[in-house]
Amino acid sequence: MEIRVRAGEVCRRCGDLTTFAGGQCRMCCMAPPPFERAVAYGPYEGRMRDAIHAFKYDRLRPAARGLGQMLAAAIAELADDAPCELLVVPVPLHRAKHRARGFNQARLLAAEALAALKRTHREWKLTLASGMLLRQRATETQAGLSPHARRLNMRGAFHVADAAAVSGRHILLIDDIMTTGATARAAARVLRDAGAESVWVATLARAGRRDGLQAGAVSAEHEEHEQEASTSK
């Protein structure tokens, strides 16, 4: 599978393609995120988009291995900056969506990425903590919402299962796609409020903020609702 690697000048904080000043985008300059840095393997377009759709919506679970290796390559970009010991926390699905889909794509990607990193970065101590972060309320689809509306939509969505286990720890937050960063900001804020020392973010794909708000992203989310609704009938 030939998937384009993310290239070009990006915000050194959130990874968005549009830089503003000092290597950071306008959003990060105005409202610094509660995470240290976010990285992604490639842009959410073309074959990457097709692969993620096949994995999530067509339930092509074997694709997790190849995609997980790409995620591992993105995580490896943090090797020079992130601590050598990280608690790896996949972004959770609400139980209703998890039941409809049958699996959490972020967890599968994280597990495959960690298996790959054990071979290439043995000095890193990465511990998967799948149940550490919970999604306590269902949120509406983010596609089509403005950045402000996305942030409001994610408010109160997450809860830390065991604050004592998070306190003083460095966290690597994993998800499949990042667009405006609203989900990553909300999850990172909850983890920091629970006492996490730092939060780092790695995703398989990055959709530009403008791209994520356009019709293509809306169509993708509409497809998700239709397919997952049909499985739950």
C-alpha atoms as a PDB file:
ATOM      1  CA  MET A   1       0.000   0.000   0.000  1.00  0.00           C
ATOM      2  CA  GLU A   2       1.498   3.308  -1.105  1.00  0.00           C
ATOM      3  CA  ILE A   3       0.496   6.060   1.286  1.00  0.00           C
ATOM      4  CA  ARG A   4       2.044   9.492   1.226  1.00  0.00           C
ATOM      5  CA  VAL A   5       4.056  10.508   4.267  1.00  0.00           C
ATOM      6  CA  ARG A   6       3.229  13.904   5.737  1.00  0.00           C
ATOM      7  CA  ALA A   7       5.689  16.469   4.450  1.00  0.00           C
ATOM      8  CA  GLY A   8       6.156  20.221   4.376  1.00  0.00           C
ATOM      9  CA  GLU A   9       6.268  22.882   7.057  1.00  0.00           C
ATOM     10  CA  VAL A  10       3.918  22.151   9.934  1.00  0.00           C
ATOM     11  CA  CYS A  11       3.116  23.693  13.289  1.00  0.00           C
ATOM     12  CA  ARG A  12       5.692  22.328  15.707  1.00  0.00           C
ATOM     13  CA  ARG A  13       3.043  22.068  18.434  1.00  0.00           C
ATOM     14  CA  CYS A  14      -0.088  20.570  16.852  1.00  0.00           C
ATOM     15  CA  GLY A  15       1.197  19.431  13.445  1.00  0.00           C
ATOM     16  CA  ASP A  16      -1.200  21.523  11.335  1.00  0.00           C
ATOM     17  CA  LEU A  17       0.139  22.506   7.922  1.00  0.00           C
ATOM     18  CA  THR A  18      -0.418  26.243   8.330  1.00  0.00           C
ATOM     19  CA  THR A  19       2.283  27.985  10.358  1.00  0.00           C
ATOM     20  CA  PHE A  20       1.852  31.480  11.771  1.00  0.00           C
ATOM     21  CA  ALA A  21       4.764  32.691  13.872  1.00  0.00           C
ATOM     22  CA  GLY A  22       7.724  31.076  15.545  1.00  0.00           C
ATOM     23  CA  GLY A  23       6.891  27.752  13.920  1.00  0.00           C
ATOM     24  CA  GLN A  24       3.419  27.593  15.451  1.00  0.00           C
ATOM     25  CA  CYS A  25      -0.031  27.966  13.910  1.00  0.00           C
ATOM     26  CA  ARG A  26      -2.418  30.772  14.824  1.00  0.00           C
ATOM     27  CA  MET A  27      -4.522  28.503  17.048  1.00  0.00           C
ATOM     28  CA  CYS A  28      -1.555  27.343  19.129  1.00  0.00           C
ATOM     29  CA  CYS A  29      -0.303  30.902  19.462  1.00  0.00           C
ATOM     30  CA  MET A  30      -3.659  32.179  20.703  1.00  0.00           C
ATOM     31  CA  ALA A  31      -4.603  29.146  22.825  1.00  0.00           C
ATOM     32  CA  PRO A  32      -1.677  26.803  23.517  1.00  0.00           C
ATOM     33  CA  PRO A  33      -2.933  23.206  23.734  1.00  0.00           C
ATOM     34  CA  PRO A  34      -2.625  21.167  26.946  1.00  0.00           C
ATOM     35  CA  PHE A  35      -0.402  18.664  25.130  1.00  0.00           C
ATOM     36  CA  GLU A  36       3.292  19.090  24.392  1.00  0.00           C
ATOM     37  CA  ARG A  37       3.322  18.061  20.743  1.00  0.00           C
ATOM     38  CA  ALA A  38       1.204  16.184  18.198  1.00  0.00           C
ATOM     39  CA  VAL A  39       2.564  14.118  15.309  1.00  0.00           C
ATOM     40  CA  ALA A  40       0.946  12.171  12.449  1.00  0.00           C
ATOM     41  CA  TYR A  41       2.192   9.792   9.771  1.00  0.00           C
ATOM     42  CA  GLY A  42       0.412  11.249   6.746  1.00  0.00           C
ATOM     43  CA  PRO A  43      -2.356  13.510   5.492  1.00  0.00           C
ATOM     44  CA  TYR A  44      -5.962  12.320   5.660  1.00  0.00           C
ATOM     45  CA  GLU A  45      -6.468  11.997   1.936  1.00  0.00           C
ATOM     46  CA  GLY A  46      -6.254   9.532  -0.932  1.00  0.00           C
ATOM     47  CA  ARG A  47      -5.150   6.045  -0.016  1.00  0.00           C
ATOM     48  CA  MET A  48      -4.712   6.919   3.627  1.00  0.00           C
ATOM     49  CA  ARG A  49      -8.339   7.969   3.827  1.00  0.00           C
ATOM     50  CA  ASP A  50      -9.414   4.832   1.960  1.00  0.00           C
ATOM     51  CA  ALA A  51      -7.366   2.598   4.265  1.00  0.00           C
ATOM     52  CA  ILE A  52      -8.799   4.160   7.418  1.00  0.00           C
ATOM     53  CA  HIS A  53     -12.341   3.835   6.069  1.00  0.00           C
ATOM     54  CA  ALA A  54     -11.809   0.169   5.195  1.00  0.00           C
ATOM     55  CA  PHE A  55     -10.388  -0.443   8.660  1.00  0.00           C
ATOM     56  CA  LYS A  56     -13.081   1.388  10.624  1.00  0.00           C
ATOM     57  CA  TYR A  57     -16.254   1.091   8.596  1.00  0.00           C
ATOM     58  CA  ASP A  58     -15.721  -2.155   6.651  1.00  0.00           C
ATOM     59  CA  ARG A  59     -14.319  -3.786   9.803  1.00  0.00           C
ATOM     60  CA  LEU A  60     -11.105  -4.773   8.006  1.00  0.00           C
ATOM     61  CA  ARG A  61      -9.296  -5.455  11.272  1.00  0.00           C
ATOM     62  CA  PRO A  62      -6.201  -7.098   9.687  1.00  0.00           C
ATOM     63  CA  ALA A  63      -5.374  -3.645   8.277  1.00  0.00           C
ATOM     64  CA  ALA A  64      -4.474  -2.604  11.815  1.00  0.00           C
ATOM     65  CA  ARG A  65      -1.017  -4.188  11.489  1.00  0.00           C
ATOM     66  CA  GLY A  66       0.136  -2.132   8.506  1.00  0.00           C
ATOM     67  CA  LEU A  67      -1.525   1.029   9.749  1.00  0.00           C
ATOM     68  CA  GLY A  68      -0.083   0.438  13.202  1.00  0.00           C
ATOM     69  CA  GLN A  69       3.406   0.322  11.740  1.00  0.00           C
ATOM     70  CA  MET A  70       2.778   3.704  10.133  1.00  0.00           C
ATOM     71  CA  LEU A  71       1.586   5.029  13.469  1.00  0.00           C
ATOM     72  CA  ALA A  72       4.790   3.675  15.019  1.00  0.00           C
ATOM     73  CA  ALA A  73       6.806   5.704  12.510  1.00  0.00           C
ATOM     74  CA  ALA A  74       4.915   8.829  13.588  1.00  0.00           C
ATOM     75  CA  ILE A  75       5.466   8.086  17.274  1.00  0.00           C
ATOM     76  CA  ALA A  76       9.189   7.625  16.578  1.00  0.00           C
ATOM     77  CA  GLU A  77       9.332  11.333  15.656  1.00  0.00           C
ATOM     78  CA  LEU A  78       8.884  12.042  19.371  1.00  0.00           C
ATOM     79  CA  ALA A  79      11.904   9.965  20.403  1.00  0.00           C
ATOM     80  CA  ASP A  80      14.205  12.964  20.839  1.00  0.00           C
ATOM     81  CA  ASP A  81      11.704  15.011  22.859  1.00  0.00           C
ATOM     82  CA  ALA A  82       9.316  12.758  24.757  1.00  0.00           C
ATOM     83  CA  PRO A  83      10.248  10.966  28.003  1.00  0.00           C
ATOM     84  CA  CYS A  84      11.540   7.405  27.728  1.00  0.00           C
ATOM     85  CA  GLU A  85       8.663   6.080  29.849  1.00  0.00           C
ATOM     86  CA  LEU A  86       5.126   6.743  28.629  1.00  0.00           C
ATOM     87  CA  LEU A  87       1.669   5.495  29.497  1.00  0.00           C
ATOM     88  CA  VAL A  88      -0.063   4.910  26.155  1.00  0.00           C
ATOM     89  CA  VAL A  89      -3.747   5.881  26.232  1.00  0.00           C
ATOM     90  CA  PRO A  90      -5.990   5.322  23.178  1.00  0.00           C
ATOM     91  CA  VAL A  91      -8.825   7.815  22.720  1.00  0.00           C
ATOM     92  CA  PRO A  92     -11.933   5.832  23.751  1.00  0.00           C
ATOM     93  CA  LEU A  93     -15.231   5.388  21.958  1.00  0.00           C
ATOM     94  CA  HIS A  94     -18.536   5.814  23.714  1.00  0.00           C
ATOM     95  CA  ARG A  95     -19.926   2.406  24.646  1.00  0.00           C
ATOM     96  CA  ALA A  96     -22.758   2.721  22.099  1.00  0.00           C
ATOM     97  CA  LYS A  97     -20.361   3.327  19.219  1.00  0.00           C
ATOM     98  CA  HIS A  98     -17.993   0.646  20.482  1.00  0.00           C
ATOM     99  CA  ARG A  99     -20.890  -1.811  20.540  1.00  0.00           C
ATOM    100  CA  ALA A 100     -21.921  -0.861  16.984  1.00  0.00           C
ATOM    101  CA  ARG A 101     -18.396  -1.019  15.537  1.00  0.00           C
ATOM    102  CA  GLY A 102     -17.195  -3.973  17.572  1.00  0.00           C
ATOM    103  CA  PHE A 103     -13.782  -2.521  18.360  1.00  0.00           C
ATOM    104  CA  ASN A 104     -11.943   0.701  19.155  1.00  0.00           C
ATOM    105  CA  GLN A 105      -9.693   1.536  16.208  1.00  0.00           C
ATOM    106  CA  ALA A 106      -7.386   3.670  18.346  1.00  0.00           C
ATOM    107  CA  ARG A 107      -6.712   0.775  20.709  1.00  0.00           C
ATOM    108  CA  LEU A 108      -5.909  -1.664  17.889  1.00  0.00           C
ATOM    109  CA  LEU A 109      -3.603   0.861  16.237  1.00  0.00           C
ATOM    110  CA  ALA A 110      -1.865   1.555  19.551  1.00  0.00           C
ATOM    111  CA  ALA A 111      -1.280  -2.144  20.224  1.00  0.00           C
ATOM    112  CA  GLU A 112       0.239  -2.714  16.769  1.00  0.00           C
ATOM    113  CA  ALA A 113       2.360   0.431  17.004  1.00  0.00           C
ATOM    114  CA  LEU A 114       3.762  -0.606  20.381  1.00  0.00           C
ATOM    115  CA  ALA A 115       4.632  -4.066  19.042  1.00  0.00           C
ATOM    116  CA  ALA A 116       6.589  -2.417  16.227  1.00  0.00           C
ATOM    117  CA  LEU A 117       8.326   0.076  18.539  1.00  0.00           C
ATOM    118  CA  LYS A 118       9.492  -2.722  20.844  1.00  0.00           C
ATOM    119  CA  ARG A 119      11.639  -3.914  17.944  1.00  0.00           C
ATOM    120  CA  THR A 120      12.954  -0.523  16.836  1.00  0.00           C
ATOM    121  CA  HIS A 121      13.083   1.521  20.068  1.00  0.00           C
ATOM    122  CA  ARG A 122      13.879  -0.918  22.853  1.00  0.00           C
ATOM    123  CA  GLU A 123      14.989   1.876  25.159  1.00  0.00           C
ATOM    124  CA  TRP A 124      11.439   3.223  25.270  1.00  0.00           C
ATOM    125  CA  LYS A 125       9.149   1.894  27.984  1.00  0.00           C
ATOM    126  CA  LEU A 126       5.670   2.181  26.518  1.00  0.00           C
ATOM    127  CA  THR A 127       2.799   0.733  28.542  1.00  0.00           C
ATOM    128  CA  LEU A 128      -0.649   0.371  26.973  1.00  0.00           C
ATOM    129  CA  ALA A 129      -3.414   1.586  29.311  1.00  0.00           C
ATOM    130  CA  SER A 130      -6.611   1.081  27.311  1.00  0.00           C
ATOM    131  CA  GLY A 131      -9.124   1.663  30.092  1.00  0.00           C
ATOM    132  CA  MET A 132      -7.462   4.701  31.624  1.00  0.00           C
ATOM    133  CA  LEU A 133      -9.551   7.236  29.707  1.00  0.00           C
ATOM    134  CA  LEU A 134     -13.328   6.817  29.410  1.00  0.00           C
ATOM    135  CA  ARG A 135     -15.821   8.584  27.168  1.00  0.00           C
ATOM    136  CA  GLN A 136     -18.641   9.289  29.582  1.00  0.00           C
ATOM    137  CA  ARG A 137     -21.109  10.820  27.170  1.00  0.00           C
ATOM    138  CA  ALA A 138     -21.883  10.372  23.479  1.00  0.00           C
ATOM    139  CA  THR A 139     -20.920  13.343  21.330  1.00  0.00           C
ATOM    140  CA  GLU A 140     -22.331  14.369  17.974  1.00  0.00           C
ATOM    141  CA  THR A 141     -20.157  13.985  14.906  1.00  0.00           C
ATOM    142  CA  GLN A 142     -17.435  16.615  14.718  1.00  0.00           C
ATOM    143  CA  ALA A 143     -17.553  16.994  10.925  1.00  0.00           C
ATOM    144  CA  GLY A 144     -19.219  20.171   9.745  1.00  0.00           C
ATOM    145  CA  LEU A 145     -18.860  21.910  13.109  1.00  0.00           C
ATOM    146  CA  SER A 146     -16.798  25.060  13.513  1.00  0.00           C
ATOM    147  CA  PRO A 147     -13.647  24.782  15.664  1.00  0.00           C
ATOM    148  CA  HIS A 148     -15.479  26.525  18.515  1.00  0.00           C
ATOM    149  CA  ALA A 149     -18.467  24.182  18.207  1.00  0.00           C
ATOM    150  CA  ARG A 150     -16.122  21.189  18.182  1.00  0.00           C
ATOM    151  CA  ARG A 151     -14.580  22.306  21.457  1.00  0.00           C
ATOM    152  CA  LEU A 152     -18.019  22.750  23.019  1.00  0.00           C
ATOM    153  CA  ASN A 153     -19.071  19.348  21.685  1.00  0.00           C
ATOM    154  CA  MET A 154     -16.154  17.663  23.456  1.00  0.00           C
ATOM    155  CA  ARG A 155     -16.635  19.474  26.770  1.00  0.00           C
ATOM    156  CA  GLY A 156     -17.202  16.943  29.530  1.00  0.00           C
ATOM    157  CA  ALA A 157     -16.845  14.001  27.133  1.00  0.00           C
ATOM    158  CA  PHE A 158     -13.913  12.301  28.900  1.00  0.00           C
ATOM    159  CA  HIS A 159     -13.213  10.986  32.363  1.00  0.00           C
ATOM    160  CA  VAL A 160     -10.063   9.451  33.872  1.00  0.00           C
ATOM    161  CA  ALA A 161     -10.785   6.047  35.385  1.00  0.00           C
ATOM    162  CA  ASP A 162      -7.930   6.097  37.921  1.00  0.00           C
ATOM    163  CA  ALA A 163      -6.412   9.490  38.697  1.00  0.00           C
ATOM    164  CA  ALA A 164      -3.790   7.936  40.984  1.00  0.00           C
ATOM    165  CA  ALA A 165      -2.448   5.849  38.087  1.00  0.00           C
ATOM    166  CA  VAL A 166      -2.150   8.972  35.907  1.00  0.00           C
ATOM    167  CA  SER A 167      -0.699  11.335  38.505  1.00  0.00           C
ATOM    168  CA  GLY A 168       2.907  12.239  37.743  1.00  0.00           C
ATOM    169  CA  ARG A 169       2.974  10.120  34.582  1.00  0.00           C
ATOM    170  CA  HIS A 170       3.831  11.104  31.031  1.00  0.00           C
ATOM    171  CA  ILE A 171       1.021  10.169  28.632  1.00  0.00           C
ATOM    172  CA  LEU A 172       1.044   9.298  24.931  1.00  0.00           C
ATOM    173  CA  LEU A 173      -2.487   9.840  23.585  1.00  0.00           C
ATOM    174  CA  ILE A 174      -3.349   7.812  20.470  1.00  0.00           C
ATOM    175  CA  ASP A 175      -6.098   8.370  17.883  1.00  0.00           C
ATOM    176  CA  ASP A 176      -6.601   7.579  14.207  1.00  0.00           C
ATOM    177  CA  ILE A 177      -7.272  11.087  12.849  1.00  0.00           C
ATOM    178  CA  MET A 178      -6.710  14.633  14.060  1.00  0.00           C
ATOM    179  CA  THR A 179      -8.449  17.608  12.460  1.00  0.00           C
ATOM    180  CA  THR A 180      -8.893  20.746  14.567  1.00  0.00           C
ATOM    181  CA  GLY A 181      -7.424  19.089  17.642  1.00  0.00           C
ATOM    182  CA  ALA A 182     -10.607  19.522  19.712  1.00  0.00           C
ATOM    183  CA  THR A 183     -10.679  15.864  20.766  1.00  0.00           C
ATOM    184  CA  ALA A 184      -6.974  15.801  21.602  1.00  0.00           C
ATOM    185  CA  ARG A 185      -7.266  19.042  23.574  1.00  0.00           C
ATOM    186  CA  ALA A 186     -10.256  17.788  25.564  1.00  0.00           C
ATOM    187  CA  ALA A 187      -8.656  14.433  26.354  1.00  0.00           C
ATOM    188  CA  ALA A 188      -5.294  15.986  27.201  1.00  0.00           C
ATOM    189  CA  ARG A 189      -6.940  18.558  29.486  1.00  0.00           C
ATOM    190  CA  VAL A 190      -8.742  15.842  31.459  1.00  0.00           C
ATOM    191  CA  LEU A 191      -5.492  13.868  31.794  1.00  0.00           C
ATOM    192  CA  ARG A 192      -3.566  16.950  32.932  1.00  0.00           C
ATOM    193  CA  ASP A 193      -6.304  17.840  35.419  1.00  0.00           C
ATOM    194  CA  ALA A 194      -5.981  14.311  36.814  1.00  0.00           C
ATOM    195  CA  GLY A 195      -2.300  14.968  37.506  1.00  0.00           C
ATOM    196  CA  ALA A 196      -0.490  13.819  34.348  1.00  0.00           C
ATOM    197  CA  GLU A 197       2.949  15.402  34.091  1.00  0.00           C
ATOM    198  CA  SER A 198       2.724  15.788  30.311  1.00  0.00           C
ATOM    199  CA  VAL A 199       0.650  14.615  27.352  1.00  0.00           C
ATOM    200  CA  TRP A 200       1.936  13.843  23.871  1.00  0.00           C
ATOM    201  CA  VAL A 201      -0.300  13.022  20.891  1.00  0.00           C
ATOM    202  CA  ALA A 202       0.218  10.696  17.926  1.00  0.00           C
ATOM    203  CA  THR A 203      -2.293   9.973  15.184  1.00  0.00           C
ATOM    204  CA  LEU A 204      -2.205   7.977  12.000  1.00  0.00           C
ATOM    205  CA  ALA A 205      -3.489  10.836   9.852  1.00  0.00           C
ATOM    206  CA  ARG A 206      -3.801  14.610  10.010  1.00  0.00           C
ATOM    207  CA  ALA A 207      -6.576  16.511   8.267  1.00  0.00           C
ATOM    208  CA  GLY A 208      -5.901  20.209   7.845  1.00  0.00           C
ATOM    209  CA  ARG A 209      -8.323  22.365   9.825  1.00  0.00           C
ATOM    210  CA  ARG A 210      -9.765  23.862   6.649  1.00  0.00           C
ATOM    211  CA  ASP A 211      -9.956  20.478   4.908  1.00  0.00           C
ATOM    212  CA  GLY A 212     -11.652  18.875   7.890  1.00  0.00           C
ATOM    213  CA  LEU A 213     -14.471  21.414   7.796  1.00  0.00           C
ATOM    214  CA  GLN A 214     -15.178  21.031   4.097  1.00  0.00           C
ATOM    215  CA  ALA A 215     -17.636  18.777   2.327  1.00  0.00           C
ATOM    216  CA  GLY A 216     -15.297  15.809   2.024  1.00  0.00           C
ATOM    217  CA  ALA A 217     -15.074  15.411   5.780  1.00  0.00           C
ATOM    218  CA  VAL A 218     -18.800  15.905   6.190  1.00  0.00           C
ATOM    219  CA  SER A 219     -19.415  13.181   3.607  1.00  0.00           C
ATOM    220  CA  ALA A 220     -17.028  10.845   5.431  1.00  0.00           C
ATOM    221  CA  GLU A 221     -18.817  11.296   8.729  1.00  0.00           C
ATOM    222  CA  HIS A 222     -22.213  10.890   7.048  1.00  0.00           C
ATOM    223  CA  GLU A 223     -20.991   7.580   5.677  1.00  0.00           C
ATOM    224  CA  GLU A 224     -19.900   6.539   9.177  1.00  0.00           C
ATOM    225  CA  HIS A 225     -23.313   7.282  10.640  1.00  0.00           C
ATOM    226  CA  GLU A 226     -25.124   5.381   7.898  1.00  0.00           C
ATOM    227  CA  GLN A 227     -22.904   2.309   8.090  1.00  0.00           C
ATOM    228  CA  GLU A 228     -22.800   2.080  11.862  1.00  0.00           C
ATOM    229  CA  ALA A 229     -26.506   2.775  12.201  1.00  0.00           C
ATOM    230  CA  SER A 230     -27.233  -0.130   9.858  1.00  0.00           C
ATOM    231  CA  THR A 231     -25.182  -2.543  11.993  1.00  0.00           C
ATOM    232  CA  SER A 232     -27.070  -1.594  15.154  1.00  0.00           C
ATOM    233  CA  LYS A 233     -30.565  -2.175  13.746  1.00  0.00           C
END
